[in-house]
Amino acid sequence: MENAINIIGFTAGVLTSISIFPQLMKTWKTKAVNDVSLGMFVVYDIGLFLWIAYGYLIGSFPVLIMNSVAFMTSIAMTYLIIRYRK
């Protein structure tokens, strides 16, 4: 049962992490960020950071690792928004 729970956790984490990739790639190619919300990504970054802390505190490898991956992609998107904002 624990394996099934970890599989669900990792699958959810992978889907959450890759959900940002289309926007990240589009922004990187077009450098257009005027319609992307910086505020949303800042709040999302903070939330992911707290999930990482929570995963560490409860000793949950899937929560810790997958939110770390999502955090890195979200930070990259946040950086692009700040860099290309006019």
C-alpha atoms as a PDB file:
ATOM      1  CA  MET A   1       0.000   0.000   0.000  1.00  0.00           C
ATOM      2  CA  GLU A   2       2.856   2.393   0.787  1.00  0.00           C
ATOM      3  CA  ASN A   3       4.230   1.921  -2.748  1.00  0.00           C
ATOM      4  CA  ALA A   4       0.855   2.885  -4.225  1.00  0.00           C
ATOM      5  CA  ILE A   5       0.757   5.989  -2.048  1.00  0.00           C
ATOM      6  CA  ASN A   6       4.276   6.984  -3.168  1.00  0.00           C
ATOM      7  CA  ILE A   7       3.357   6.384  -6.815  1.00  0.00           C
ATOM      8  CA  ILE A   8       0.349   8.659  -6.445  1.00  0.00           C
ATOM      9  CA  GLY A   9       2.525  11.290  -4.751  1.00  0.00           C
ATOM     10  CA  PHE A  10       5.217  11.181  -7.429  1.00  0.00           C
ATOM     11  CA  THR A  11       2.650  11.177 -10.250  1.00  0.00           C
ATOM     12  CA  ALA A  12       0.903  14.221  -8.790  1.00  0.00           C
ATOM     13  CA  GLY A  13       4.262  15.911  -8.380  1.00  0.00           C
ATOM     14  CA  VAL A  14       5.353  15.199 -11.944  1.00  0.00           C
ATOM     15  CA  LEU A  15       2.086  16.541 -13.356  1.00  0.00           C
ATOM     16  CA  THR A  16       2.280  19.647 -11.172  1.00  0.00           C
ATOM     17  CA  SER A  17       5.907  20.223 -12.127  1.00  0.00           C
ATOM     18  CA  ILE A  18       5.443  19.844 -15.869  1.00  0.00           C
ATOM     19  CA  SER A  19       2.302  21.983 -15.931  1.00  0.00           C
ATOM     20  CA  ILE A  20       4.473  25.118 -15.964  1.00  0.00           C
ATOM     21  CA  PHE A  21       6.729  23.948 -18.828  1.00  0.00           C
ATOM     22  CA  PRO A  22       4.468  25.066 -21.718  1.00  0.00           C
ATOM     23  CA  GLN A  23       4.255  28.599 -20.291  1.00  0.00           C
ATOM     24  CA  LEU A  24       7.961  28.591 -19.453  1.00  0.00           C
ATOM     25  CA  MET A  25       8.947  27.537 -22.979  1.00  0.00           C
ATOM     26  CA  LYS A  26       6.549  30.003 -24.634  1.00  0.00           C
ATOM     27  CA  THR A  27       7.836  32.847 -22.476  1.00  0.00           C
ATOM     28  CA  TRP A  28      11.452  31.923 -23.156  1.00  0.00           C
ATOM     29  CA  LYS A  29      10.860  31.883 -26.927  1.00  0.00           C
ATOM     30  CA  THR A  30       8.639  34.945 -27.239  1.00  0.00           C
ATOM     31  CA  LYS A  31       9.902  37.008 -24.297  1.00  0.00           C
ATOM     32  CA  ALA A  32       6.286  38.164 -23.932  1.00  0.00           C
ATOM     33  CA  VAL A  33       5.159  38.341 -20.300  1.00  0.00           C
ATOM     34  CA  ASN A  34       2.647  41.175 -20.193  1.00  0.00           C
ATOM     35  CA  ASP A  35      -0.274  38.752 -19.841  1.00  0.00           C
ATOM     36  CA  VAL A  36       1.427  36.577 -17.212  1.00  0.00           C
ATOM     37  CA  SER A  37       0.736  37.379 -13.573  1.00  0.00           C
ATOM     38  CA  LEU A  38       3.875  37.998 -11.523  1.00  0.00           C
ATOM     39  CA  GLY A  39       1.767  38.044  -8.358  1.00  0.00           C
ATOM     40  CA  MET A  40       0.392  34.576  -9.047  1.00  0.00           C
ATOM     41  CA  PHE A  41       3.871  33.143  -9.534  1.00  0.00           C
ATOM     42  CA  VAL A  42       5.225  34.817  -6.383  1.00  0.00           C
ATOM     43  CA  VAL A  43       2.377  33.346  -4.324  1.00  0.00           C
ATOM     44  CA  TYR A  44       2.863  29.959  -6.037  1.00  0.00           C
ATOM     45  CA  ASP A  45       6.620  30.089  -5.292  1.00  0.00           C
ATOM     46  CA  ILE A  46       5.952  30.785  -1.607  1.00  0.00           C
ATOM     47  CA  GLY A  47       3.396  27.982  -1.475  1.00  0.00           C
ATOM     48  CA  LEU A  48       5.820  25.534  -3.066  1.00  0.00           C
ATOM     49  CA  PHE A  49       8.558  26.572  -0.651  1.00  0.00           C
ATOM     50  CA  LEU A  50       6.210  25.854   2.243  1.00  0.00           C
ATOM     51  CA  TRP A  51       5.335  22.449   0.722  1.00  0.00           C
ATOM     52  CA  ILE A  52       9.066  21.683   0.585  1.00  0.00           C
ATOM     53  CA  ALA A  53       9.428  22.620   4.260  1.00  0.00           C
ATOM     54  CA  TYR A  54       6.367  20.537   5.125  1.00  0.00           C
ATOM     55  CA  GLY A  55       7.675  17.536   3.178  1.00  0.00           C
ATOM     56  CA  TYR A  56      10.978  17.786   5.018  1.00  0.00           C
ATOM     57  CA  LEU A  57       9.326  18.114   8.430  1.00  0.00           C
ATOM     58  CA  ILE A  58       7.063  15.088   7.943  1.00  0.00           C
ATOM     59  CA  GLY A  59       9.770  13.071   6.196  1.00  0.00           C
ATOM     60  CA  SER A  60       7.827  12.649   2.953  1.00  0.00           C
ATOM     61  CA  PHE A  61      10.221  12.061   0.082  1.00  0.00           C
ATOM     62  CA  PRO A  62       7.560  12.472  -2.665  1.00  0.00           C
ATOM     63  CA  VAL A  63       6.325  15.787  -1.226  1.00  0.00           C
ATOM     64  CA  LEU A  64       9.862  17.086  -0.728  1.00  0.00           C
ATOM     65  CA  ILE A  65      11.333  16.073  -4.085  1.00  0.00           C
ATOM     66  CA  MET A  66       8.413  16.814  -6.375  1.00  0.00           C
ATOM     67  CA  ASN A  67       7.694  20.213  -4.851  1.00  0.00           C
ATOM     68  CA  SER A  68      11.399  21.024  -5.158  1.00  0.00           C
ATOM     69  CA  VAL A  69      11.200  20.304  -8.896  1.00  0.00           C
ATOM     70  CA  ALA A  70       8.030  22.394  -9.225  1.00  0.00           C
ATOM     71  CA  PHE A  71       9.680  25.178  -7.210  1.00  0.00           C
ATOM     72  CA  MET A  72      12.686  25.293  -9.539  1.00  0.00           C
ATOM     73  CA  THR A  73      10.513  25.561 -12.656  1.00  0.00           C
ATOM     74  CA  SER A  74       8.313  28.182 -11.027  1.00  0.00           C
ATOM     75  CA  ILE A  75      11.325  30.228  -9.931  1.00  0.00           C
ATOM     76  CA  ALA A  76      12.611  30.076 -13.526  1.00  0.00           C
ATOM     77  CA  MET A  77       9.256  31.397 -14.754  1.00  0.00           C
ATOM     78  CA  THR A  78       9.241  34.122 -12.104  1.00  0.00           C
ATOM     79  CA  TYR A  79      12.725  35.160 -13.211  1.00  0.00           C
ATOM     80  CA  LEU A  80      11.611  35.374 -16.856  1.00  0.00           C
ATOM     81  CA  ILE A  81       8.595  37.481 -15.915  1.00  0.00           C
ATOM     82  CA  ILE A  82      10.805  39.945 -14.045  1.00  0.00           C
ATOM     83  CA  ARG A  83      13.471  39.968 -16.746  1.00  0.00           C
ATOM     84  CA  TYR A  84      11.129  40.517 -19.703  1.00  0.00           C
ATOM     85  CA  ARG A  85       8.539  42.766 -18.039  1.00  0.00           C
ATOM     86  CA  LYS A  86       8.232  46.125 -19.867  1.00  0.00           C
END
